[in-house]
Protein backbone atom coordinates (compact mmCIF):
# COMPACT_ATOMS: atom_id res chain seq x y z
CA UNK A 1 203.89 136.82 -42.25
CA UNK A 2 202.39 136.47 -38.68
CA UNK A 3 202.38 138.88 -36.01
CA UNK A 4 204.88 137.95 -33.73
CA UNK A 5 207.97 135.96 -35.21
CA UNK A 6 209.59 135.79 -32.07
CA UNK A 7 208.12 136.93 -28.20
CA UNK A 8 210.25 137.50 -24.71
CA UNK A 9 209.25 137.54 -21.23
CA UNK A 10 211.65 139.61 -19.12
CA UNK A 11 211.34 139.12 -15.52
CA UNK A 12 212.92 142.62 -14.64
CA UNK A 13 214.89 143.65 -11.85
CA UNK A 14 214.47 146.65 -9.59
CA UNK A 15 218.02 147.56 -9.66
CA UNK A 16 220.51 146.81 -13.02
CA UNK A 17 223.53 145.73 -10.44
CA UNK A 18 220.85 142.35 -10.24
CA UNK A 19 220.12 139.95 -12.49
CA UNK A 20 216.94 140.89 -15.10
CA UNK A 21 215.93 137.32 -16.40
CA UNK A 22 215.44 137.21 -19.87
CA UNK A 23 213.73 134.63 -22.02
CA UNK A 24 213.28 134.14 -26.29
CA UNK A 25 210.59 132.28 -27.78
CA UNK A 26 210.13 131.34 -31.62
CA UNK A 27 207.18 131.19 -32.36
CA UNK A 28 207.46 129.44 -36.00
CA UNK A 29 209.80 126.54 -34.45
CA UNK A 30 207.71 126.81 -31.41
CA UNK A 31 211.23 126.69 -29.06
CA UNK A 32 213.14 128.31 -26.94
CA UNK A 33 216.12 129.64 -28.50
CA UNK A 34 217.87 131.90 -25.58
CA UNK A 35 217.94 132.22 -21.92
CA UNK A 36 220.13 134.84 -19.68
CA UNK A 37 220.43 137.28 -17.33
CA UNK A 38 220.78 140.55 -18.75
CA UNK A 39 221.19 143.97 -16.36
CA UNK A 40 220.92 147.27 -18.05
CA UNK A 41 218.46 149.33 -19.87
CA UNK A 42 220.86 149.04 -22.55
CA UNK A 43 221.52 145.57 -22.22
CA UNK A 44 217.70 144.43 -22.22
CA UNK A 45 216.93 147.34 -25.10
CA UNK A 46 219.69 146.03 -27.77
CA UNK A 47 219.00 142.34 -26.99
CA UNK A 48 215.00 142.50 -27.40
CA UNK A 49 216.00 144.18 -30.57
CA UNK A 50 218.86 142.14 -32.10
CA UNK A 51 217.24 138.88 -31.20
CA UNK A 52 214.34 140.77 -33.01
CA UNK A 53 211.84 140.13 -30.51
CA UNK A 54 208.53 141.90 -31.48
CA UNK A 55 206.58 141.27 -28.17
CA UNK A 56 207.72 141.41 -24.59
CA UNK A 57 205.89 140.03 -21.50
CA UNK A 58 207.19 141.84 -18.80
CA UNK A 59 207.07 140.75 -14.88
CA UNK A 60 206.75 144.54 -13.49
CA UNK A 61 203.83 146.88 -13.34
CA UNK A 62 203.47 149.09 -16.42
CA UNK A 63 202.06 151.94 -14.77
CA UNK A 64 203.55 155.51 -15.14
CA UNK A 65 202.89 156.20 -11.32
CA UNK A 66 203.43 153.73 -8.95
CA UNK A 67 200.39 153.44 -7.05
CA UNK A 68 197.38 150.62 -6.47
CA UNK A 69 195.82 149.96 -9.36
CA UNK A 70 192.45 149.15 -10.30
CA UNK A 71 193.84 146.29 -11.86
CA UNK A 72 196.23 145.19 -9.09
CA UNK A 73 192.67 145.16 -6.87
CA UNK A 74 191.09 143.31 -9.40
CA UNK A 75 193.35 140.75 -9.24
CA UNK A 76 193.34 140.44 -5.28
CA UNK A 77 190.04 139.97 -5.54
CA UNK A 78 190.45 137.13 -7.96
CA UNK A 79 192.38 135.32 -5.51
CA UNK A 80 196.24 135.88 -7.29
CA UNK A 81 198.76 137.97 -5.04
CA UNK A 82 200.44 140.68 -7.30
CA UNK A 83 202.56 143.18 -5.34
CA UNK A 84 200.94 146.56 -5.75
CA UNK A 85 203.52 149.08 -7.45
CA UNK A 86 203.15 152.06 -4.59
CA UNK A 87 204.48 148.98 -2.15
CA UNK A 88 208.27 150.87 -1.27
CA UNK A 89 210.27 148.24 -2.82
CA UNK A 90 207.95 147.89 -5.85
CA UNK A 91 208.63 151.68 -6.77
CA UNK A 92 211.87 151.30 -8.48
CA UNK A 93 210.47 148.34 -10.07
CA UNK A 94 207.37 149.89 -11.54
CA UNK A 95 209.38 153.24 -12.56
CA UNK A 96 212.40 151.06 -14.24
CA UNK A 97 209.37 149.12 -16.24
CA UNK A 98 207.51 152.34 -17.19
CA UNK A 99 211.00 153.31 -18.39
CA UNK A 100 211.66 150.72 -20.32
CA UNK A 101 207.68 150.43 -21.78
CA UNK A 102 207.81 153.66 -23.35
CA UNK A 103 211.30 153.26 -24.72
CA UNK A 104 210.24 149.87 -26.45
CA UNK A 105 207.37 151.21 -27.81
CA UNK A 106 209.02 154.10 -29.44
CA UNK A 107 210.94 151.66 -31.72
CA UNK A 108 207.52 149.29 -32.46
CA UNK A 109 207.67 146.46 -30.00
CA UNK A 110 204.43 145.78 -27.78
CA UNK A 111 205.14 145.38 -24.07
CA UNK A 112 202.32 143.57 -21.68
CA UNK A 113 202.37 142.80 -18.22
CA UNK A 114 202.88 139.81 -16.59
CA UNK A 115 202.60 138.18 -13.22
CA UNK A 116 204.56 134.85 -13.44
CA UNK A 117 203.41 132.97 -9.96
CA UNK A 118 199.64 134.09 -10.95
CA UNK A 119 200.12 132.61 -14.26
CA UNK A 120 201.71 129.83 -13.27
CA UNK A 121 198.42 129.22 -10.47
CA UNK A 122 195.65 130.28 -12.99
CA UNK A 123 196.90 127.56 -15.31
CA UNK A 124 197.03 125.17 -13.19
CA UNK A 125 200.09 123.64 -13.98
CA UNK A 126 202.93 123.34 -11.47
CA UNK A 127 205.80 123.04 -13.26
CA UNK A 128 207.67 125.66 -15.67
CA UNK A 129 208.73 122.60 -17.67
CA UNK A 130 205.25 120.77 -18.39
CA UNK A 131 203.22 124.09 -19.02
CA UNK A 132 205.87 125.11 -22.03
CA UNK A 133 205.08 120.91 -23.17
CA UNK A 134 201.23 121.95 -22.50
CA UNK A 135 201.95 125.01 -24.80
CA UNK A 136 203.71 122.84 -27.59
CA UNK A 137 207.40 125.19 -26.95
CA UNK A 138 210.36 122.98 -26.94
CA UNK A 139 212.83 123.68 -23.93
CA UNK A 140 215.70 122.22 -25.27
CA UNK A 141 218.80 121.58 -22.64
CA UNK A 142 216.57 123.58 -20.78
CA UNK A 143 213.97 120.93 -20.27
CA UNK A 144 215.64 118.84 -17.62
CA UNK A 145 218.21 122.12 -16.48
CA UNK A 146 217.13 123.89 -12.95
CA UNK A 147 216.62 126.91 -13.69
CA UNK A 148 217.24 129.94 -10.64
CA UNK A 149 213.90 132.24 -10.36
CA UNK A 150 214.73 135.16 -12.39
CA UNK A 151 215.56 133.10 -15.65
CA UNK A 152 212.18 130.61 -14.94
CA UNK A 153 210.36 133.44 -14.31
CA UNK A 154 212.06 134.87 -17.63
CA UNK A 155 210.30 131.85 -19.33
CA UNK A 156 206.98 131.93 -17.78
CA UNK A 157 206.78 135.71 -18.83
CA UNK A 158 208.02 134.27 -22.36
CA UNK A 159 204.76 131.67 -22.06
CA UNK A 160 202.41 133.69 -21.13
CA UNK A 161 203.63 136.19 -24.25
CA UNK A 162 202.96 132.89 -26.31
CA UNK A 163 199.37 132.69 -25.42
CA UNK A 164 199.15 136.52 -26.12
CA UNK A 165 200.33 135.96 -29.82
CA UNK A 166 198.05 132.61 -30.25
CA UNK A 167 194.99 133.76 -28.14
CA UNK A 168 194.42 130.79 -27.60
CA UNK A 169 195.27 130.36 -23.67
CA UNK A 170 195.29 133.38 -22.41
CA UNK A 171 193.59 135.37 -19.70
CA UNK A 172 193.37 138.67 -19.08
CA UNK A 173 192.71 140.69 -16.00
CA UNK A 174 191.62 144.03 -16.82
CA UNK A 175 190.48 147.51 -15.06
CA UNK A 176 190.46 151.16 -16.60
CA UNK A 177 194.07 151.33 -15.62
CA UNK A 178 195.68 148.33 -16.73
CA UNK A 179 195.42 144.80 -17.97
CA UNK A 180 197.71 141.83 -16.39
CA UNK A 181 198.34 138.91 -18.48
CA UNK A 182 198.04 135.24 -17.49
CA UNK A 183 197.46 131.83 -18.92
CA UNK A 184 194.03 129.88 -18.98
CA UNK A 185 193.73 126.67 -17.05
CA UNK A 186 195.51 123.77 -19.23
CA UNK A 187 193.82 121.30 -17.29
């Protein structure tokens, strides 16, 4: 049995009244099986569990303390514009991300950090649908639909999870205080 059957991307919102984009990819069928807005932490956790996801790629800093990390500095040094968790607007997101990270890990679900805009930049592909195609992921009805930013970023995050699960298209920026997972150039 493969280590990962279903992976997801989560574009986490700082506040539960805003849409947290959520996308699920079935690796056996190489297809997007769900894309939706989720709101509360309970809704996010229960959806991940009911969708039988065992790897979540989240667009949020995964850090116990919302501070500017060495991994953030390394990402910026490499030309990726990540926002540090210490910024006022990012503190709530960081704290919510850490809470979900801990809750999901307690349930045996692996959680990794990503940054969708940087993943698109690192891949060299300018469109999320083309990126999915290059990775062999079928989008079905979502291929031609215009997705809002939250859902688009959730899809890109899920594609990072696909690369993490497969291991053949992953680009990782690491430091002693964390890792940010992106996509290798797919030119």
